[in-house]
């Protein structure tokens, strides 16, 4: 009966690939297999001195920094990020989180993570949006990596304006002192993985990382679904 209902639903409301808009079966996710294969990957994700990691050199101490996709003016990656962030496509967020998790499992550095911490939104922004896209990614990653997600250890204190059109220096100033660690004792001596949907200048990750590194003996690694290259 379920298969029959699924078939009827597919006829009435066909599932389309987020990227190419081809028809999907009820078993497919939001992105077809061909588009997964052709999405521009961040090819140097296993290297400790990859270009994304170098963004943070001299700015914040990290164990490892990487991403799954390269934005690189890709319409498909932009569409995926837009769907997750602004179109309430929560299933896509979980799906891409799983893909990111599978990517990280191929790197030994990420096999010794204690907690996943998604970059928090300010409560006002989260109330307007209804969810935090980084939480979705983290939950998908947790399914694959079997690592606990913590969403209440760090809070965003300031409701800063959108970073999208700001230059690097403006983003840096805008990100200062906006994060606060609420449960430092629970993080002492741990290795945490900070997660966000996309890294451009790295200012937000840097600001959150600086707050976390006030915790005694804490180690930080960073990963994102996509990086602007």
Foldseek 3Di string as FASTA:
>chain_A
DVVVVQVVCCVVPFQAALQPGDTDGPPDANHDPVCVVVFAFLVCFQDQVRPVNVLCVVQFDADGEGATGAPQVDPRLVSLLCCLQPVVPLSSLLVLLLVRLVVCVVHPVVLQAAEEEEQEAAPVVCVVRVHASSVSSRVSNCVNNVHYYDHQQKHFQDNFDDPVPDDLVVLLVSQAPGMAGDCLVVQAQGEYEYEDAEAESCNNVSRHNVNNVVRHNYHYYYYHHYYHD
